[in-house]
Amino acid sequence: MAQALGLQVAEKQEMGEQRAQLISREANNAVQAAFNALQRTIVHNSQTLDYLVQEMLRPILKVWLDDNLPGMVERLVRTEIERISSPRN
């Protein structure tokens, strides 16, 4: 009788735990697997997107640098030469 009572208590505890869980273990595992797949896809696509943006910006940056860098460097070098070569008071 004590053993049967012990089984009933254990069954009631298990049923209570099952009631406390809103979804079954199988459903929970399926949801976790789906979210993990989504996370992997997002990470992969964000890396792909980063690569695409870099590749799209590379020619634009090259044109801008070709057009602007020589003048900027020349102006900065000229300013530095003037600063160094001017007599100090």
N, C-alpha and C. Protein backbone atom coordinates (compact mmCIF):
# COMPACT_ATOMS: atom_id res chain seq x y z
N MET A 1 0.83 -1.18 0.00
CA MET A 1 0.00 0.00 0.00
C MET A 1 0.87 1.25 0.00
N ALA A 2 1.93 1.25 0.80
CA ALA A 2 2.83 2.41 0.86
C ALA A 2 3.49 2.62 -0.49
N GLN A 3 3.80 1.49 -1.14
CA GLN A 3 4.44 1.58 -2.46
C GLN A 3 3.47 2.17 -3.48
N ALA A 4 2.21 1.74 -3.44
CA ALA A 4 1.19 2.27 -4.34
C ALA A 4 0.96 3.74 -4.07
N LEU A 5 0.98 4.12 -2.80
CA LEU A 5 0.80 5.53 -2.44
C LEU A 5 1.98 6.35 -2.95
N GLY A 6 3.18 5.79 -2.87
CA GLY A 6 4.38 6.46 -3.38
C GLY A 6 4.29 6.67 -4.88
N LEU A 7 3.77 5.68 -5.61
CA LEU A 7 3.59 5.80 -7.06
C LEU A 7 2.57 6.89 -7.38
N GLN A 8 1.50 6.94 -6.61
CA GLN A 8 0.48 7.96 -6.84
C GLN A 8 1.05 9.36 -6.62
N VAL A 9 1.85 9.51 -5.60
CA VAL A 9 2.46 10.81 -5.31
C VAL A 9 3.40 11.19 -6.45
N ALA A 10 4.20 10.24 -6.91
CA ALA A 10 5.14 10.50 -8.01
C ALA A 10 4.37 10.86 -9.28
N GLU A 11 3.27 10.15 -9.55
CA GLU A 11 2.47 10.45 -10.74
C GLU A 11 1.86 11.85 -10.63
N LYS A 12 1.37 12.20 -9.46
CA LYS A 12 0.79 13.53 -9.27
C LYS A 12 1.84 14.62 -9.44
N GLN A 13 3.05 14.37 -8.94
CA GLN A 13 4.12 15.34 -9.12
C GLN A 13 4.46 15.51 -10.60
N GLU A 14 4.53 14.39 -11.31
CA GLU A 14 4.84 14.44 -12.75
C GLU A 14 3.74 15.18 -13.50
N MET A 15 2.48 14.90 -13.14
CA MET A 15 1.37 15.59 -13.80
C MET A 15 1.42 17.08 -13.49
N GLY A 16 1.79 17.42 -12.26
CA GLY A 16 1.91 18.82 -11.88
C GLY A 16 3.01 19.51 -12.67
N GLU A 17 4.13 18.82 -12.86
CA GLU A 17 5.21 19.38 -13.67
C GLU A 17 4.78 19.55 -15.12
N GLN A 18 4.05 18.58 -15.65
CA GLN A 18 3.56 18.67 -17.02
C GLN A 18 2.59 19.83 -17.16
N ARG A 19 1.75 20.04 -16.17
CA ARG A 19 0.81 21.16 -16.22
C ARG A 19 1.56 22.49 -16.15
N ALA A 20 2.65 22.52 -15.37
CA ALA A 20 3.44 23.75 -15.23
C ALA A 20 4.09 24.11 -16.57
N GLN A 21 4.44 23.10 -17.37
CA GLN A 21 5.03 23.36 -18.68
C GLN A 21 3.90 23.64 -19.65
N LEU A 22 4.00 24.74 -20.34
CA LEU A 22 2.95 25.13 -21.26
C LEU A 22 2.95 24.28 -22.52
N ILE A 23 4.14 23.83 -22.94
CA ILE A 23 4.22 22.99 -24.14
C ILE A 23 5.00 21.73 -23.82
N SER A 24 4.86 20.74 -24.66
CA SER A 24 5.54 19.47 -24.44
C SER A 24 7.03 19.61 -24.76
N ARG A 25 7.80 18.65 -24.30
CA ARG A 25 9.23 18.63 -24.57
C ARG A 25 9.48 18.57 -26.08
N GLU A 26 8.69 17.80 -26.81
CA GLU A 26 8.86 17.68 -28.25
C GLU A 26 8.60 19.01 -28.95
N ALA A 27 7.53 19.68 -28.53
CA ALA A 27 7.21 20.98 -29.12
C ALA A 27 8.31 21.99 -28.80
N ASN A 28 8.79 21.96 -27.57
CA ASN A 28 9.87 22.85 -27.16
C ASN A 28 11.12 22.61 -28.01
N ASN A 29 11.47 21.34 -28.21
CA ASN A 29 12.64 21.01 -29.04
C ASN A 29 12.46 21.49 -30.48
N ALA A 30 11.27 21.33 -31.01
CA ALA A 30 11.00 21.78 -32.38
C ALA A 30 11.12 23.29 -32.49
N VAL A 31 10.61 24.01 -31.51
CA VAL A 31 10.70 25.47 -31.52
C VAL A 31 12.16 25.91 -31.41
N GLN A 32 12.91 25.29 -30.52
CA GLN A 32 14.33 25.63 -30.37
C GLN A 32 15.08 25.37 -31.67
N ALA A 33 14.79 24.25 -32.32
CA ALA A 33 15.46 23.92 -33.58
C ALA A 33 15.14 24.96 -34.64
N ALA A 34 13.89 25.40 -34.69
CA ALA A 34 13.49 26.41 -35.68
C ALA A 34 14.20 27.73 -35.41
N PHE A 35 14.26 28.15 -34.14
CA PHE A 35 14.95 29.40 -33.82
C PHE A 35 16.45 29.30 -34.07
N ASN A 36 17.03 28.15 -33.81
CA ASN A 36 18.46 27.96 -34.10
C ASN A 36 18.71 28.06 -35.61
N ALA A 37 17.84 27.49 -36.41
CA ALA A 37 17.99 27.60 -37.86
C ALA A 37 17.85 29.05 -38.31
N LEU A 38 16.91 29.76 -37.72
CA LEU A 38 16.74 31.18 -38.05
C LEU A 38 17.99 31.97 -37.68
N GLN A 39 18.54 31.71 -36.51
CA GLN A 39 19.75 32.41 -36.08
C GLN A 39 20.91 32.14 -37.03
N ARG A 40 21.09 30.89 -37.43
CA ARG A 40 22.18 30.56 -38.37
C ARG A 40 21.97 31.28 -39.69
N THR A 41 20.73 31.35 -40.16
CA THR A 41 20.43 32.03 -41.42
C THR A 41 20.72 33.52 -41.32
N ILE A 42 20.33 34.12 -40.22
CA ILE A 42 20.56 35.55 -40.04
C ILE A 42 22.06 35.84 -40.01
N VAL A 43 22.81 35.05 -39.27
CA VAL A 43 24.26 35.25 -39.18
C VAL A 43 24.88 35.08 -40.55
N HIS A 44 24.51 34.03 -41.26
CA HIS A 44 25.06 33.79 -42.60
C HIS A 44 24.71 34.93 -43.55
N ASN A 45 23.45 35.35 -43.55
CA ASN A 45 23.03 36.40 -44.47
C ASN A 45 23.63 37.75 -44.11
N SER A 46 23.84 38.02 -42.83
CA SER A 46 24.45 39.29 -42.46
C SER A 46 25.88 39.33 -42.93
N GLN A 47 26.58 38.18 -42.86
CA GLN A 47 27.95 38.13 -43.38
C GLN A 47 27.93 38.32 -44.90
N THR A 48 26.98 37.72 -45.56
CA THR A 48 26.84 37.87 -47.00
C THR A 48 26.52 39.31 -47.34
N LEU A 49 25.63 39.92 -46.59
CA LEU A 49 25.26 41.31 -46.83
C LEU A 49 26.46 42.23 -46.62
N ASP A 50 27.24 41.99 -45.57
CA ASP A 50 28.45 42.78 -45.35
C ASP A 50 29.38 42.68 -46.55
N TYR A 51 29.57 41.47 -47.03
CA TYR A 51 30.44 41.27 -48.19
C TYR A 51 29.91 42.02 -49.41
N LEU A 52 28.61 41.93 -49.66
CA LEU A 52 28.02 42.60 -50.82
C LEU A 52 28.17 44.12 -50.72
N VAL A 53 27.95 44.66 -49.53
CA VAL A 53 28.09 46.11 -49.35
C VAL A 53 29.54 46.52 -49.58
N GLN A 54 30.48 45.76 -49.05
CA GLN A 54 31.90 46.07 -49.27
C GLN A 54 32.24 46.06 -50.75
N GLU A 55 31.77 45.06 -51.45
CA GLU A 55 32.07 44.95 -52.87
C GLU A 55 31.41 46.07 -53.68
N MET A 56 30.23 46.51 -53.24
CA MET A 56 29.55 47.61 -53.94
C MET A 56 30.26 48.94 -53.66
N LEU A 57 30.76 49.11 -52.44
CA LEU A 57 31.39 50.37 -52.08
C LEU A 57 32.83 50.49 -52.59
N ARG A 58 33.48 49.38 -52.83
CA ARG A 58 34.88 49.40 -53.25
C ARG A 58 35.10 50.28 -54.48
N PRO A 59 34.37 50.13 -55.59
CA PRO A 59 34.62 50.99 -56.75
C PRO A 59 34.28 52.46 -56.48
N ILE A 60 33.27 52.71 -55.67
CA ILE A 60 32.90 54.09 -55.34
C ILE A 60 34.02 54.73 -54.53
N LEU A 61 34.53 53.99 -53.56
CA LEU A 61 35.63 54.50 -52.73
C LEU A 61 36.88 54.73 -53.57
N LYS A 62 37.16 53.83 -54.50
CA LYS A 62 38.33 53.98 -55.36
C LYS A 62 38.24 55.26 -56.18
N VAL A 63 37.08 55.53 -56.77
CA VAL A 63 36.90 56.74 -57.57
C VAL A 63 37.08 57.97 -56.68
N TRP A 64 36.48 57.96 -55.48
CA TRP A 64 36.59 59.11 -54.59
C TRP A 64 38.04 59.34 -54.19
N LEU A 65 38.74 58.26 -53.83
CA LEU A 65 40.14 58.40 -53.45
C LEU A 65 40.99 58.89 -54.62
N ASP A 66 40.78 58.36 -55.81
CA ASP A 66 41.52 58.80 -56.99
C ASP A 66 41.29 60.29 -57.24
N ASP A 67 40.06 60.75 -57.03
CA ASP A 67 39.72 62.15 -57.29
C ASP A 67 40.20 63.09 -56.18
N ASN A 68 40.21 62.66 -54.95
CA ASN A 68 40.44 63.56 -53.82
C ASN A 68 41.74 63.37 -53.06
N LEU A 69 42.27 62.16 -53.00
CA LEU A 69 43.44 61.91 -52.16
C LEU A 69 44.68 62.68 -52.60
N PRO A 70 45.03 62.72 -53.89
CA PRO A 70 46.24 63.46 -54.26
C PRO A 70 46.20 64.93 -53.83
N GLY A 71 45.09 65.59 -54.05
CA GLY A 71 44.97 67.00 -53.65
C GLY A 71 45.04 67.17 -52.15
N MET A 72 44.41 66.28 -51.41
CA MET A 72 44.43 66.37 -49.94
C MET A 72 45.85 66.20 -49.42
N VAL A 73 46.55 65.19 -49.92
CA VAL A 73 47.92 64.93 -49.47
C VAL A 73 48.82 66.09 -49.85
N GLU A 74 48.69 66.57 -51.08
CA GLU A 74 49.51 67.70 -51.53
C GLU A 74 49.30 68.92 -50.64
N ARG A 75 48.06 69.23 -50.33
CA ARG A 75 47.74 70.38 -49.49
C ARG A 75 48.32 70.20 -48.08
N LEU A 76 48.18 69.02 -47.51
CA LEU A 76 48.71 68.76 -46.17
C LEU A 76 50.23 68.81 -46.14
N VAL A 77 50.88 68.25 -47.17
CA VAL A 77 52.33 68.28 -47.24
C VAL A 77 52.81 69.72 -47.39
N ARG A 78 52.16 70.49 -48.24
CA ARG A 78 52.54 71.89 -48.43
C ARG A 78 52.42 72.66 -47.10
N THR A 79 51.34 72.45 -46.37
CA THR A 79 51.15 73.11 -45.08
C THR A 79 52.24 72.72 -44.10
N GLU A 80 52.59 71.45 -44.07
CA GLU A 80 53.63 70.98 -43.14
C GLU A 80 55.00 71.54 -43.54
N ILE A 81 55.29 71.61 -44.83
CA ILE A 81 56.57 72.19 -45.29
C ILE A 81 56.64 73.65 -44.88
N GLU A 82 55.55 74.38 -45.06
CA GLU A 82 55.53 75.81 -44.67
C GLU A 82 55.74 75.96 -43.16
N ARG A 83 55.13 75.08 -42.39
CA ARG A 83 55.28 75.15 -40.93
C ARG A 83 56.72 74.89 -40.52
N ILE A 84 57.33 73.89 -41.13
CA ILE A 84 58.70 73.52 -40.76
C ILE A 84 59.70 74.58 -41.24
N SER A 85 59.51 75.11 -42.44
CA SER A 85 60.50 76.01 -43.02
C SER A 85 60.35 77.47 -42.60
N SER A 86 59.27 77.83 -41.97
CA SER A 86 59.12 79.21 -41.55
C SER A 86 59.98 79.48 -40.32
N PRO A 87 60.58 80.68 -40.28
CA PRO A 87 61.43 80.99 -39.12
C PRO A 87 60.60 81.08 -37.85
N ARG A 88 61.20 80.59 -36.79
CA ARG A 88 60.51 80.63 -35.49
C ARG A 88 60.80 81.94 -34.80
N ASN A 89 59.80 82.51 -34.23
CA ASN A 89 59.97 83.79 -33.53
C ASN A 89 60.15 83.59 -32.06
